[in-house]
């Protein structure tokens, strides 16, 4: 099944949220890989550190909704 960009973003956001709930911050090391459960059986490994870094560098072009979601879980934009 092909995943849309929106699906991929949502999956990475879920990983970021999981990291935040466990660690209490979003200072994710660049090389960090986060494992998340998808559905019943599947587990995925997401390159969360790189994703967080990319979101930060794209802050100006992120939709306001996505920016707010990330801010709500402790994203530091600078």
Protein backbone atom coordinates (compact mmCIF):
# COMPACT_ATOMS: atom_id res chain seq x y z
CA UNK A 1 0.00 0.00 0.00
CA UNK A 2 1.41 3.38 -0.99
CA UNK A 3 1.51 5.99 1.71
CA UNK A 4 0.77 9.61 0.95
CA UNK A 5 2.97 12.43 2.20
CA UNK A 6 0.23 13.21 4.73
CA UNK A 7 0.30 9.59 5.98
CA UNK A 8 4.08 9.72 6.33
CA UNK A 9 3.91 13.03 8.19
CA UNK A 10 1.26 11.63 10.54
CA UNK A 11 3.39 8.55 11.22
CA UNK A 12 6.45 10.65 12.02
CA UNK A 13 4.35 12.94 14.20
CA UNK A 14 3.11 9.86 16.09
CA UNK A 15 6.74 8.83 16.63
CA UNK A 16 7.62 12.35 17.82
CA UNK A 17 4.70 12.30 20.25
CA UNK A 18 5.77 8.90 21.57
CA UNK A 19 9.34 10.18 22.05
CA UNK A 20 8.07 13.30 23.83
CA UNK A 21 5.79 11.32 26.15
CA UNK A 22 8.68 9.01 27.07
CA UNK A 23 11.53 11.56 27.29
CA UNK A 24 9.69 14.76 28.22
CA UNK A 25 11.31 16.80 25.43
CA UNK A 26 11.85 16.85 21.66
CA UNK A 27 15.63 17.31 21.64
CA UNK A 28 15.97 14.28 19.41
CA UNK A 29 19.52 13.34 18.40
CA UNK A 30 19.93 13.69 14.61
CA UNK A 31 20.64 9.97 14.14
CA UNK A 32 17.88 8.73 16.46
CA UNK A 33 15.56 6.03 15.13
CA UNK A 34 12.18 5.65 16.85
CA UNK A 35 10.23 2.38 16.71
CA UNK A 36 6.47 2.70 16.58
CA UNK A 37 3.67 0.17 16.34
CA UNK A 38 1.52 0.51 13.23
CA UNK A 39 -1.74 -1.39 13.25
CA UNK A 40 -1.88 -4.75 15.00
CA UNK A 41 1.26 -6.54 13.88
CA UNK A 42 3.57 -4.13 12.13
CA UNK A 43 6.36 -2.17 13.76
CA UNK A 44 8.15 0.59 11.88
CA UNK A 45 11.49 2.26 12.44
CA UNK A 46 11.41 5.95 11.66
CA UNK A 47 14.39 8.28 11.36
CA UNK A 48 12.89 10.68 13.86
CA UNK A 49 16.00 12.79 14.46
CA UNK A 50 16.32 13.65 10.78
CA UNK A 51 12.56 14.28 10.50
CA UNK A 52 12.53 16.69 13.47
CA UNK A 53 15.50 18.54 11.99
CA UNK A 54 13.70 18.78 8.63
CA UNK A 55 10.52 20.12 10.23
CA UNK A 56 12.58 22.77 12.00
CA UNK A 57 14.28 23.84 8.78
CA UNK A 58 10.90 23.97 6.99
CA UNK A 59 9.15 25.90 9.77
CA UNK A 60 8.33 28.78 7.42
CA UNK A 61 6.51 26.52 4.96
CA UNK A 62 4.79 24.15 7.42
CA UNK A 63 1.03 24.47 7.61
CA UNK A 64 -0.15 26.30 10.74
CA UNK A 65 -1.90 23.10 11.88
CA UNK A 66 1.30 21.08 11.71
CA UNK A 67 3.26 23.82 13.42
CA UNK A 68 0.73 23.91 16.25
CA UNK A 69 0.76 20.12 16.63
CA UNK A 70 4.54 20.12 16.96
CA UNK A 71 4.57 23.13 19.31
CA UNK A 72 2.05 21.35 21.53
CA UNK A 73 4.51 18.52 22.15
CA UNK A 74 7.46 20.73 22.93
CA UNK A 75 9.02 21.48 19.56
CA UNK A 76 11.72 24.13 19.83
CA UNK A 77 11.91 26.02 16.57
CA UNK A 78 15.28 27.68 16.99
